[in-house]
Amino acid sequence: MGVVQEYAESIIIAIIIALFIRAFVVQAFKIPSGSMKPTLLIGDHLLVNKFIYGVHIPFTEIKVFDYHKPQRGDIIVFTYPVDQSKDFIKRVIGLPGETIEIRKKKIYINGKPFADPYGSYLDPDTVNQVPRDNFGPVVVPENHVFVMGDNRDRSYDSRFWGFVDYGKIKGKAWIIYWSWDSQAKKLTQKVRVDRFAHLIR
């Protein structure tokens, strides 16, 4: 009976530790779409640092130890504001209080052109769709961020559905631990070994 009890206690402790880590420290996510190409590819599996922006009290949007705010350029995972059952991943472009405007695909922050080292554009510059290529100006509310996918012409982001509340942010994308290309014809090509342990920036 003592051995059984010991094993049971060990299993329970292991489960509690695993749940604690998932809830407060890191969580795994899979990239389902191409909206973050070329930074993140469909089939990339990554770990998200849930601690960096503060710790959520379980089942609430209240944070404690909120010592670090999202910065421009951070890739974040968050609850999709339109559908709470879905998680999205995008890059932070606009911070609270900033004025964001897009003119012919060019991003302006507070009236100044943004260098945009992350953006990838697939469609010709002559195509000017609203709100994809021409947007705003809008002011980012307090405790919110404006996000975009790196695949600018193929991303459903803040241009279409608005800002992300700090309380909806689950964490910052950290590292790719596995990558699987389901479209590859050969089995040896399906596993993208070169993306393993790739730090996300």
N, C-alpha and C. Protein backbone atom coordinates (compact mmCIF):
# COMPACT_ATOMS: atom_id res chain seq x y z
N MET A 1 0.84 -1.21 0.00
CA MET A 1 0.00 0.00 0.00
C MET A 1 0.87 1.25 0.00
N GLY A 2 2.01 1.16 0.73
CA GLY A 2 2.90 2.30 0.80
C GLY A 2 3.50 2.65 -0.55
N VAL A 3 3.88 1.63 -1.34
CA VAL A 3 4.46 1.86 -2.66
C VAL A 3 3.43 2.49 -3.59
N VAL A 4 2.19 1.97 -3.56
CA VAL A 4 1.11 2.51 -4.40
C VAL A 4 0.85 3.97 -4.06
N GLN A 5 0.78 4.25 -2.78
CA GLN A 5 0.54 5.62 -2.33
C GLN A 5 1.68 6.54 -2.77
N GLU A 6 2.90 6.05 -2.70
CA GLU A 6 4.05 6.85 -3.09
C GLU A 6 4.00 7.19 -4.57
N TYR A 7 3.66 6.18 -5.40
CA TYR A 7 3.55 6.42 -6.85
C TYR A 7 2.42 7.39 -7.15
N ALA A 8 1.28 7.22 -6.46
CA ALA A 8 0.14 8.10 -6.67
C ALA A 8 0.49 9.54 -6.33
N GLU A 9 1.18 9.73 -5.24
CA GLU A 9 1.59 11.08 -4.83
C GLU A 9 2.55 11.69 -5.85
N SER A 10 3.47 10.88 -6.37
CA SER A 10 4.43 11.37 -7.35
C SER A 10 3.72 11.81 -8.63
N ILE A 11 2.73 11.01 -9.06
CA ILE A 11 1.98 11.35 -10.27
C ILE A 11 1.18 12.62 -10.07
N ILE A 12 0.54 12.74 -8.92
CA ILE A 12 -0.26 13.94 -8.63
C ILE A 12 0.62 15.19 -8.61
N ILE A 13 1.78 15.07 -7.98
CA ILE A 13 2.72 16.21 -7.92
C ILE A 13 3.20 16.58 -9.32
N ALA A 14 3.50 15.58 -10.14
CA ALA A 14 3.95 15.83 -11.51
C ALA A 14 2.87 16.55 -12.31
N ILE A 15 1.62 16.13 -12.14
CA ILE A 15 0.51 16.76 -12.85
C ILE A 15 0.34 18.21 -12.41
N ILE A 16 0.43 18.44 -11.12
CA ILE A 16 0.29 19.80 -10.58
C ILE A 16 1.39 20.71 -11.13
N ILE A 17 2.62 20.19 -11.15
CA ILE A 17 3.74 20.98 -11.67
C ILE A 17 3.54 21.30 -13.16
N ALA A 18 3.09 20.29 -13.91
CA ALA A 18 2.85 20.49 -15.35
C ALA A 18 1.77 21.53 -15.58
N LEU A 19 0.69 21.45 -14.81
CA LEU A 19 -0.40 22.42 -14.95
C LEU A 19 0.05 23.82 -14.56
N PHE A 20 0.89 23.89 -13.53
CA PHE A 20 1.41 25.19 -13.09
C PHE A 20 2.27 25.81 -14.19
N ILE A 21 3.15 25.00 -14.78
CA ILE A 21 4.02 25.50 -15.85
C ILE A 21 3.19 25.98 -17.03
N ARG A 22 2.18 25.19 -17.41
CA ARG A 22 1.35 25.56 -18.55
C ARG A 22 0.55 26.83 -18.28
N ALA A 23 0.09 26.99 -17.06
CA ALA A 23 -0.75 28.13 -16.71
C ALA A 23 0.03 29.41 -16.55
N PHE A 24 1.26 29.31 -16.03
CA PHE A 24 1.97 30.53 -15.64
C PHE A 24 3.31 30.76 -16.33
N VAL A 25 3.94 29.73 -16.89
CA VAL A 25 5.31 29.89 -17.37
C VAL A 25 5.40 29.79 -18.90
N VAL A 26 5.19 28.60 -19.46
CA VAL A 26 5.25 28.43 -20.91
C VAL A 26 4.08 27.58 -21.39
N GLN A 27 3.74 27.80 -22.66
CA GLN A 27 2.68 27.00 -23.26
C GLN A 27 3.02 26.77 -24.72
N ALA A 28 2.64 25.63 -25.25
CA ALA A 28 2.93 25.28 -26.64
C ALA A 28 1.82 25.76 -27.56
N PHE A 29 2.20 26.26 -28.73
CA PHE A 29 1.24 26.67 -29.75
C PHE A 29 1.72 26.18 -31.11
N LYS A 30 0.75 25.98 -32.01
CA LYS A 30 1.07 25.57 -33.37
C LYS A 30 0.60 26.65 -34.34
N ILE A 31 1.42 26.95 -35.35
CA ILE A 31 1.07 27.96 -36.34
C ILE A 31 0.16 27.33 -37.40
N PRO A 32 -1.10 27.81 -37.51
CA PRO A 32 -2.05 27.20 -38.43
C PRO A 32 -2.17 27.90 -39.78
N SER A 33 -1.62 29.12 -39.90
CA SER A 33 -1.80 29.88 -41.14
C SER A 33 -0.50 30.54 -41.56
N GLY A 34 -0.52 31.15 -42.75
CA GLY A 34 0.68 31.80 -43.27
C GLY A 34 0.74 33.29 -43.00
N SER A 35 -0.03 33.79 -42.05
CA SER A 35 -0.09 35.24 -41.82
C SER A 35 1.19 35.83 -41.25
N MET A 36 2.07 34.95 -40.70
CA MET A 36 3.32 35.45 -40.12
C MET A 36 4.55 35.08 -40.96
N LYS A 37 4.34 34.62 -42.18
CA LYS A 37 5.47 34.34 -43.07
C LYS A 37 6.21 35.64 -43.36
N PRO A 38 7.53 35.57 -43.53
CA PRO A 38 8.39 34.38 -43.49
C PRO A 38 8.93 34.06 -42.09
N THR A 39 8.54 34.86 -41.09
CA THR A 39 9.07 34.64 -39.73
C THR A 39 8.63 33.30 -39.17
N LEU A 40 7.35 33.01 -39.29
CA LEU A 40 6.78 31.76 -38.80
C LEU A 40 6.04 31.07 -39.94
N LEU A 41 6.24 29.77 -40.05
CA LEU A 41 5.65 28.99 -41.14
C LEU A 41 4.54 28.09 -40.63
N ILE A 42 3.62 27.75 -41.52
CA ILE A 42 2.57 26.79 -41.17
C ILE A 42 3.23 25.49 -40.73
N GLY A 43 2.84 24.99 -39.57
CA GLY A 43 3.43 23.76 -39.05
C GLY A 43 4.53 23.98 -38.04
N ASP A 44 4.92 25.24 -37.82
CA ASP A 44 5.88 25.53 -36.75
C ASP A 44 5.19 25.31 -35.40
N HIS A 45 5.87 24.64 -34.49
CA HIS A 45 5.38 24.46 -33.13
C HIS A 45 6.30 25.27 -32.23
N LEU A 46 5.71 26.12 -31.41
CA LEU A 46 6.55 27.01 -30.63
C LEU A 46 6.11 27.07 -29.18
N LEU A 47 7.05 27.55 -28.36
CA LEU A 47 6.76 27.78 -26.96
C LEU A 47 6.56 29.27 -26.74
N VAL A 48 5.58 29.59 -25.90
CA VAL A 48 5.25 30.98 -25.60
C VAL A 48 5.56 31.27 -24.14
N ASN A 49 6.30 32.33 -23.91
CA ASN A 49 6.64 32.77 -22.56
C ASN A 49 5.43 33.48 -21.97
N LYS A 50 4.76 32.86 -21.02
CA LYS A 50 3.55 33.43 -20.44
C LYS A 50 3.83 34.32 -19.23
N PHE A 51 5.07 34.29 -18.78
CA PHE A 51 5.43 35.00 -17.55
C PHE A 51 5.89 36.43 -17.82
N ILE A 52 6.38 36.69 -19.04
CA ILE A 52 7.07 37.93 -19.33
C ILE A 52 6.20 39.18 -19.18
N TYR A 53 4.91 39.07 -19.49
CA TYR A 53 4.03 40.23 -19.38
C TYR A 53 3.22 40.23 -18.08
N GLY A 54 3.57 39.38 -17.15
CA GLY A 54 2.82 39.27 -15.92
C GLY A 54 2.04 37.96 -15.88
N VAL A 55 1.55 37.62 -14.73
CA VAL A 55 0.85 36.35 -14.52
C VAL A 55 -0.65 36.58 -14.41
N HIS A 56 -1.40 35.86 -15.23
CA HIS A 56 -2.86 35.93 -15.15
C HIS A 56 -3.37 35.13 -13.95
N ILE A 57 -4.32 35.70 -13.24
CA ILE A 57 -5.06 34.91 -12.26
C ILE A 57 -5.95 33.97 -13.07
N PRO A 58 -5.89 32.65 -12.80
CA PRO A 58 -6.65 31.69 -13.61
C PRO A 58 -8.11 32.09 -13.81
N PHE A 59 -8.57 31.92 -15.07
CA PHE A 59 -9.95 32.16 -15.49
C PHE A 59 -10.34 33.64 -15.43
N THR A 60 -9.35 34.52 -15.39
CA THR A 60 -9.63 35.97 -15.40
C THR A 60 -8.64 36.64 -16.35
N GLU A 61 -8.85 37.94 -16.58
CA GLU A 61 -7.90 38.73 -17.36
C GLU A 61 -7.07 39.62 -16.45
N ILE A 62 -7.15 39.36 -15.14
CA ILE A 62 -6.40 40.15 -14.16
C ILE A 62 -4.97 39.63 -14.07
N LYS A 63 -4.02 40.56 -14.12
CA LYS A 63 -2.61 40.17 -14.05
C LYS A 63 -1.97 40.66 -12.76
N VAL A 64 -1.06 39.83 -12.25
CA VAL A 64 -0.22 40.22 -11.12
C VAL A 64 1.23 40.17 -11.60
N PHE A 65 2.12 40.85 -10.88
CA PHE A 65 3.52 40.94 -11.29
C PHE A 65 3.64 41.46 -12.73
N ASP A 66 2.82 42.48 -13.03
CA ASP A 66 2.79 43.05 -14.38
C ASP A 66 3.95 44.04 -14.53
N TYR A 67 5.15 43.49 -14.68
CA TYR A 67 6.36 44.31 -14.65
C TYR A 67 6.91 44.64 -16.03
N HIS A 68 6.38 44.03 -17.09
CA HIS A 68 6.93 44.25 -18.43
C HIS A 68 5.79 44.40 -19.43
N LYS A 69 5.78 45.50 -20.16
CA LYS A 69 4.75 45.75 -21.15
C LYS A 69 5.20 45.26 -22.52
N PRO A 70 4.25 44.92 -23.40
CA PRO A 70 4.62 44.55 -24.77
C PRO A 70 5.35 45.69 -25.46
N GLN A 71 6.37 45.34 -26.22
CA GLN A 71 7.16 46.33 -26.94
C GLN A 71 6.96 46.17 -28.45
N ARG A 72 7.20 47.26 -29.16
CA ARG A 72 7.09 47.18 -30.61
C ARG A 72 8.06 46.12 -31.14
N GLY A 73 7.56 45.27 -32.01
CA GLY A 73 8.37 44.18 -32.55
C GLY A 73 8.15 42.85 -31.88
N ASP A 74 7.56 42.86 -30.67
CA ASP A 74 7.25 41.58 -30.00
C ASP A 74 6.23 40.79 -30.80
N ILE A 75 6.43 39.49 -30.88
CA ILE A 75 5.42 38.60 -31.46
C ILE A 75 4.64 38.00 -30.30
N ILE A 76 3.33 38.26 -30.27
CA ILE A 76 2.51 37.86 -29.13
C ILE A 76 1.41 36.89 -29.53
N VAL A 77 1.04 36.06 -28.58
CA VAL A 77 -0.13 35.19 -28.71
C VAL A 77 -1.22 35.78 -27.82
N PHE A 78 -2.43 35.88 -28.36
CA PHE A 78 -3.52 36.53 -27.62
C PHE A 78 -4.85 35.90 -27.99
N THR A 79 -5.83 36.14 -27.15
CA THR A 79 -7.19 35.70 -27.43
C THR A 79 -7.78 36.60 -28.50
N TYR A 80 -8.26 36.02 -29.57
CA TYR A 80 -8.86 36.79 -30.67
C TYR A 80 -10.07 37.56 -30.15
N PRO A 81 -10.07 38.90 -30.23
CA PRO A 81 -11.15 39.69 -29.64
C PRO A 81 -12.55 39.37 -30.16
N VAL A 82 -12.64 38.92 -31.42
CA VAL A 82 -13.95 38.65 -32.02
C VAL A 82 -14.50 37.28 -31.63
N ASP A 83 -13.61 36.34 -31.35
CA ASP A 83 -14.01 34.98 -30.99
C ASP A 83 -13.10 34.48 -29.88
N GLN A 84 -13.61 34.47 -28.66
CA GLN A 84 -12.81 34.14 -27.48
C GLN A 84 -12.29 32.70 -27.48
N SER A 85 -12.81 31.86 -28.36
CA SER A 85 -12.37 30.47 -28.40
C SER A 85 -11.09 30.28 -29.22
N LYS A 86 -10.64 31.35 -29.88
CA LYS A 86 -9.48 31.23 -30.76
C LYS A 86 -8.30 32.05 -30.25
N ASP A 87 -7.10 31.55 -30.51
CA ASP A 87 -5.88 32.28 -30.22
C ASP A 87 -5.25 32.73 -31.53
N PHE A 88 -4.76 33.97 -31.55
CA PHE A 88 -4.06 34.51 -32.71
C PHE A 88 -2.62 34.81 -32.34
N ILE A 89 -1.77 34.90 -33.35
CA ILE A 89 -0.38 35.31 -33.14
C ILE A 89 -0.04 36.38 -34.17
N LYS A 90 0.44 37.53 -33.69
CA LYS A 90 0.79 38.66 -34.55
C LYS A 90 1.95 39.42 -33.93
N ARG A 91 2.44 40.42 -34.66
CA ARG A 91 3.54 41.25 -34.17
C ARG A 91 3.02 42.62 -33.73
N VAL A 92 3.53 43.09 -32.60
CA VAL A 92 3.13 44.41 -32.09
C VAL A 92 3.75 45.50 -32.96
N ILE A 93 2.90 46.38 -33.47
CA ILE A 93 3.35 47.51 -34.29
C ILE A 93 3.11 48.84 -33.58
N GLY A 94 1.91 49.00 -33.02
CA GLY A 94 1.55 50.26 -32.38
C GLY A 94 1.36 50.10 -30.88
N LEU A 95 1.84 51.09 -30.11
CA LEU A 95 1.75 51.07 -28.65
C LEU A 95 0.72 52.08 -28.17
N PRO A 96 0.29 51.99 -26.90
CA PRO A 96 -0.73 52.89 -26.37
C PRO A 96 -0.38 54.37 -26.59
N GLY A 97 -1.37 55.12 -27.07
CA GLY A 97 -1.20 56.55 -27.28
C GLY A 97 -0.64 56.93 -28.63
N GLU A 98 -0.16 55.95 -29.41
CA GLU A 98 0.43 56.26 -30.71
C GLU A 98 -0.65 56.34 -31.79
N THR A 99 -0.40 57.19 -32.78
CA THR A 99 -1.29 57.31 -33.93
C THR A 99 -0.75 56.43 -35.06
N ILE A 100 -1.57 55.52 -35.53
CA ILE A 100 -1.17 54.58 -36.58
C ILE A 100 -1.93 54.90 -37.86
N GLU A 101 -1.19 54.96 -38.94
CA GLU A 101 -1.80 55.20 -40.26
C GLU A 101 -1.05 54.38 -41.30
N ILE A 102 -1.77 53.89 -42.30
CA ILE A 102 -1.15 53.16 -43.41
C ILE A 102 -1.58 53.84 -44.71
N ARG A 103 -0.60 54.22 -45.51
CA ARG A 103 -0.87 54.85 -46.80
C ARG A 103 -0.11 54.10 -47.87
N LYS A 104 -0.86 53.50 -48.79
CA LYS A 104 -0.26 52.72 -49.89
C LYS A 104 0.77 51.72 -49.34
N LYS A 105 0.34 50.99 -48.33
CA LYS A 105 1.10 49.92 -47.67
C LYS A 105 2.17 50.43 -46.72
N LYS A 106 2.49 51.69 -46.73
CA LYS A 106 3.53 52.25 -45.87
C LYS A 106 2.94 52.60 -44.51
N ILE A 107 3.60 52.11 -43.43
CA ILE A 107 3.12 52.35 -42.07
C ILE A 107 3.72 53.67 -41.54
N TYR A 108 2.85 54.46 -40.91
CA TYR A 108 3.27 55.70 -40.27
C TYR A 108 2.88 55.65 -38.80
N ILE A 109 3.84 55.99 -37.95
CA ILE A 109 3.59 56.03 -36.51
C ILE A 109 3.82 57.47 -36.05
N ASN A 110 2.76 58.06 -35.51
CA ASN A 110 2.80 59.47 -35.10
C ASN A 110 3.26 60.37 -36.25
N GLY A 111 2.79 60.03 -37.45
CA GLY A 111 3.07 60.84 -38.62
C GLY A 111 4.40 60.59 -39.28
N LYS A 112 5.24 59.73 -38.71
CA LYS A 112 6.56 59.45 -39.26
C LYS A 112 6.61 58.06 -39.87
N PRO A 113 7.27 57.89 -41.01
CA PRO A 113 7.37 56.57 -41.63
C PRO A 113 8.05 55.56 -40.72
N PHE A 114 7.49 54.37 -40.66
CA PHE A 114 8.06 53.28 -39.86
C PHE A 114 8.93 52.43 -40.78
N ALA A 115 10.16 52.16 -40.37
CA ALA A 115 11.11 51.42 -41.21
C ALA A 115 10.58 50.04 -41.58
N ASP A 116 9.79 49.42 -40.69
CA ASP A 116 9.16 48.13 -40.93
C ASP A 116 10.13 47.04 -41.40
N PRO A 117 11.03 46.61 -40.52
CA PRO A 117 11.99 45.56 -40.91
C PRO A 117 11.36 44.17 -40.99
N TYR A 118 10.11 44.04 -40.55
CA TYR A 118 9.49 42.71 -40.46
C TYR A 118 8.55 42.40 -41.63
N GLY A 119 8.03 43.44 -42.28
CA GLY A 119 6.94 43.26 -43.24
C GLY A 119 7.36 42.58 -44.53
N SER A 120 6.48 41.69 -45.01
CA SER A 120 6.66 41.04 -46.30
C SER A 120 5.41 41.30 -47.13
N TYR A 121 5.59 41.74 -48.38
CA TYR A 121 4.46 42.12 -49.23
C TYR A 121 4.46 41.28 -50.50
N LEU A 122 3.31 40.66 -50.79
CA LEU A 122 3.20 39.77 -51.93
C LEU A 122 2.53 40.41 -53.13
N ASP A 123 1.63 41.36 -52.88
CA ASP A 123 0.89 41.99 -53.97
C ASP A 123 1.60 43.25 -54.45
N PRO A 124 1.38 43.64 -55.70
CA PRO A 124 2.02 44.86 -56.24
C PRO A 124 1.64 46.10 -55.43
N ASP A 125 2.57 47.04 -55.37
CA ASP A 125 2.32 48.28 -54.62
C ASP A 125 1.17 49.09 -55.20
N THR A 126 0.82 48.82 -56.47
CA THR A 126 -0.25 49.58 -57.10
C THR A 126 -1.63 49.17 -56.61
N VAL A 127 -1.72 48.03 -55.93
CA VAL A 127 -3.01 47.57 -55.40
C VAL A 127 -3.23 48.27 -54.06
N ASN A 128 -4.32 49.02 -53.96
CA ASN A 128 -4.57 49.79 -52.74
C ASN A 128 -5.95 49.46 -52.17
N GLN A 129 -6.01 48.39 -51.42
CA GLN A 129 -7.26 47.97 -50.81
C GLN A 129 -7.43 48.63 -49.44
N VAL A 130 -8.67 48.85 -49.08
CA VAL A 130 -9.01 49.39 -47.75
C VAL A 130 -9.68 48.29 -46.95
N PRO A 131 -9.25 48.01 -45.71
CA PRO A 131 -8.23 48.71 -44.93
C PRO A 131 -6.83 48.13 -45.04
N ARG A 132 -6.63 47.15 -45.92
CA ARG A 132 -5.34 46.46 -45.95
C ARG A 132 -4.19 47.40 -46.29
N ASP A 133 -4.34 48.19 -47.35
CA ASP A 133 -3.25 49.03 -47.84
C ASP A 133 -3.37 50.50 -47.43
N ASN A 134 -4.58 50.92 -47.09
CA ASN A 134 -4.83 52.29 -46.64
C ASN A 134 -5.71 52.22 -45.41
N PHE A 135 -5.21 52.77 -44.31
CA PHE A 135 -5.90 52.59 -43.03
C PHE A 135 -5.64 53.77 -42.12
N GLY A 136 -6.67 54.15 -41.36
CA GLY A 136 -6.51 55.17 -40.32
C GLY A 136 -6.53 56.59 -40.87
N PRO A 137 -6.01 57.52 -40.05
CA PRO A 137 -5.27 57.30 -38.80
C PRO A 137 -6.18 56.95 -37.62
N VAL A 138 -5.63 56.15 -36.69
CA VAL A 138 -6.31 55.81 -35.46
C VAL A 138 -5.32 55.94 -34.30
N VAL A 139 -5.84 56.20 -33.12
CA VAL A 139 -5.00 56.29 -31.93
C VAL A 139 -5.18 55.02 -31.11
N VAL A 140 -4.07 54.38 -30.76
CA VAL A 140 -4.12 53.15 -29.97
C VAL A 140 -4.55 53.50 -28.54
N PRO A 141 -5.63 52.87 -28.04
CA PRO A 141 -6.11 53.18 -26.68
C PRO A 141 -5.12 52.75 -25.60
N GLU A 142 -5.30 53.30 -24.42
CA GLU A 142 -4.50 52.91 -23.27
C GLU A 142 -4.66 51.41 -23.00
N ASN A 143 -3.58 50.75 -22.63
CA ASN A 143 -3.58 49.32 -22.32
C ASN A 143 -4.00 48.44 -23.49
N HIS A 144 -3.69 48.90 -24.70
CA HIS A 144 -3.96 48.13 -25.91
C HIS A 144 -2.74 48.22 -26.83
N VAL A 145 -2.67 47.31 -27.80
CA VAL A 145 -1.65 47.38 -28.84
C VAL A 145 -2.29 47.17 -30.20
N PHE A 146 -1.62 47.66 -31.23
CA PHE A 146 -2.03 47.47 -32.62
C PHE A 146 -1.10 46.43 -33.20
N VAL A 147 -1.66 45.35 -33.75
CA VAL A 147 -0.84 44.23 -34.22
C VAL A 147 -1.06 43.97 -35.71
N MET A 148 -0.02 43.41 -36.34
CA MET A 148 -0.11 43.03 -37.75
C MET A 148 0.66 41.73 -37.96
N GLY A 149 0.25 40.98 -38.98
CA GLY A 149 1.01 39.81 -39.37
C GLY A 149 2.17 40.25 -40.25
N ASP A 150 3.29 39.53 -40.19
CA ASP A 150 4.44 39.88 -41.02
C ASP A 150 4.13 39.72 -42.51
N ASN A 151 3.24 38.81 -42.83
CA ASN A 151 2.79 38.61 -44.22
C ASN A 151 1.68 39.64 -44.46
N ARG A 152 2.09 40.88 -44.65
CA ARG A 152 1.16 42.02 -44.61
C ARG A 152 -0.05 41.90 -45.52
N ASP A 153 0.13 41.34 -46.71
CA ASP A 153 -0.97 41.25 -47.67
C ASP A 153 -1.86 40.03 -47.46
N ARG A 154 -1.50 39.17 -46.49
CA ARG A 154 -2.27 37.95 -46.24
C ARG A 154 -2.53 37.78 -44.75
N SER A 155 -2.75 38.88 -44.06
CA SER A 155 -2.95 38.80 -42.61
C SER A 155 -4.24 39.49 -42.20
N TYR A 156 -5.02 38.80 -41.38
CA TYR A 156 -6.26 39.35 -40.81
C TYR A 156 -5.90 39.85 -39.43
N ASP A 157 -5.74 41.15 -39.27
CA ASP A 157 -5.17 41.70 -38.04
C ASP A 157 -5.87 42.97 -37.59
N SER A 158 -5.18 43.83 -36.84
CA SER A 158 -5.80 45.01 -36.26
C SER A 158 -6.38 45.96 -37.30
N ARG A 159 -5.93 45.88 -38.53
CA ARG A 159 -6.51 46.71 -39.58
C ARG A 159 -7.97 46.37 -39.81
N PHE A 160 -8.35 45.13 -39.51
CA PHE A 160 -9.69 44.65 -39.80
C PHE A 160 -10.59 44.58 -38.57
N TRP A 161 -10.04 44.21 -37.42
CA TRP A 161 -10.90 43.99 -36.25
C TRP A 161 -10.49 44.78 -35.01
N GLY A 162 -9.49 45.65 -35.10
CA GLY A 162 -9.20 46.53 -33.98
C GLY A 162 -7.98 46.16 -33.13
N PHE A 163 -7.98 46.67 -31.91
CA PHE A 163 -6.81 46.59 -31.03
C PHE A 163 -6.88 45.36 -30.11
N VAL A 164 -5.73 45.03 -29.52
CA VAL A 164 -5.65 43.92 -28.58
C VAL A 164 -5.47 44.48 -27.17
N ASP A 165 -6.38 44.11 -26.29
CA ASP A 165 -6.30 44.52 -24.89
C ASP A 165 -5.17 43.77 -24.20
N TYR A 166 -4.43 44.46 -23.33
CA TYR A 166 -3.37 43.80 -22.57
C TYR A 166 -3.88 42.53 -21.88
N GLY A 167 -5.11 42.58 -21.38
CA GLY A 167 -5.66 41.45 -20.65
C GLY A 167 -5.87 40.22 -21.52
N LYS A 168 -5.90 40.40 -22.85
CA LYS A 168 -6.10 39.27 -23.77
C LYS A 168 -4.79 38.61 -24.19
N ILE A 169 -3.66 39.25 -23.85
CA ILE A 169 -2.37 38.73 -24.29
C ILE A 169 -1.94 37.55 -23.41
N LYS A 170 -1.64 36.43 -24.05
CA LYS A 170 -1.25 35.22 -23.32
C LYS A 170 0.25 35.12 -23.11
N GLY A 171 1.03 35.72 -24.00
CA GLY A 171 2.47 35.66 -23.83
C GLY A 171 3.21 36.05 -25.09
N LYS A 172 4.53 35.97 -25.00
CA LYS A 172 5.41 36.32 -26.11
C LYS A 172 6.01 35.06 -26.73
N ALA A 173 5.93 34.98 -28.06
CA ALA A 173 6.52 33.83 -28.76
C ALA A 173 8.01 33.79 -28.49
N TRP A 174 8.50 32.60 -28.15
CA TRP A 174 9.87 32.48 -27.66
C TRP A 174 10.76 31.63 -28.57
N ILE A 175 10.40 30.37 -28.78
CA ILE A 175 11.30 29.47 -29.50
C ILE A 175 10.51 28.40 -30.25
N ILE A 176 11.01 28.02 -31.43
CA ILE A 176 10.41 26.92 -32.20
C ILE A 176 11.07 25.62 -31.75
N TYR A 177 10.26 24.67 -31.30
CA TYR A 177 10.82 23.40 -30.85
C TYR A 177 10.57 22.26 -31.83
N TRP A 178 9.68 22.48 -32.80
CA TRP A 178 9.36 21.44 -33.79
C TRP A 178 8.74 22.11 -34.99
N SER A 179 9.00 21.60 -36.19
CA SER A 179 8.40 22.17 -37.39
C SER A 179 8.11 21.07 -38.39
N TRP A 180 6.88 21.05 -38.89
CA TRP A 180 6.42 19.98 -39.76
C TRP A 180 5.74 20.57 -41.00
N ASP A 181 6.27 20.24 -42.18
CA ASP A 181 5.72 20.72 -43.44
C ASP A 181 4.82 19.64 -44.02
N SER A 182 3.53 19.77 -43.82
CA SER A 182 2.58 18.75 -44.27
C SER A 182 2.45 18.72 -45.79
N GLN A 183 2.90 19.76 -46.48
CA GLN A 183 2.78 19.82 -47.94
C GLN A 183 3.96 19.15 -48.65
N ALA A 184 5.03 18.90 -47.91
CA ALA A 184 6.20 18.27 -48.54
C ALA A 184 5.86 16.86 -49.01
N LYS A 185 6.41 16.46 -50.14
CA LYS A 185 6.09 15.16 -50.72
C LYS A 185 6.88 14.03 -50.06
N LYS A 186 8.12 14.30 -49.72
CA LYS A 186 8.96 13.27 -49.11
C LYS A 186 8.95 13.39 -47.59
N LEU A 187 8.96 12.25 -46.94
CA LEU A 187 8.96 12.22 -45.48
C LEU A 187 10.18 12.95 -44.92
N THR A 188 11.32 12.79 -45.58
CA THR A 188 12.55 13.42 -45.10
C THR A 188 12.49 14.94 -45.19
N GLN A 189 11.58 15.45 -46.04
CA GLN A 189 11.45 16.90 -46.20
C GLN A 189 10.39 17.50 -45.29
N LYS A 190 9.56 16.65 -44.73
CA LYS A 190 8.47 17.14 -43.90
C LYS A 190 8.97 17.76 -42.59
N VAL A 191 9.99 17.15 -42.02
CA VAL A 191 10.54 17.67 -40.77
C VAL A 191 11.56 18.76 -41.09
N ARG A 192 11.28 19.98 -40.66
CA ARG A 192 12.19 21.10 -40.91
C ARG A 192 13.20 21.19 -39.76
N VAL A 193 14.23 20.36 -39.84
CA VAL A 193 15.22 20.28 -38.77
C VAL A 193 15.91 21.62 -38.55
N ASP A 194 16.09 22.37 -39.62
CA ASP A 194 16.82 23.64 -39.52
C ASP A 194 16.07 24.69 -38.69
N ARG A 195 14.79 24.44 -38.41
CA ARG A 195 14.01 25.40 -37.62
C ARG A 195 13.96 25.03 -36.14
N PHE A 196 14.46 23.87 -35.78
CA PHE A 196 14.45 23.45 -34.38
C PHE A 196 15.32 24.40 -33.55
N ALA A 197 14.84 24.71 -32.34
CA ALA A 197 15.56 25.57 -31.41
C ALA A 197 15.83 26.96 -31.98
N HIS A 198 14.97 27.37 -32.89
CA HIS A 198 15.11 28.69 -33.52
C HIS A 198 14.43 29.75 -32.66
N LEU A 199 15.19 30.71 -32.14
CA LEU A 199 14.63 31.78 -31.33
C LEU A 199 13.80 32.71 -32.22
N ILE A 200 12.64 33.10 -31.74
CA ILE A 200 11.71 33.90 -32.54
C ILE A 200 11.95 35.38 -32.30
N ARG A 201 12.15 36.10 -33.38
CA ARG A 201 12.37 37.56 -33.31
C ARG A 201 11.53 38.26 -34.35
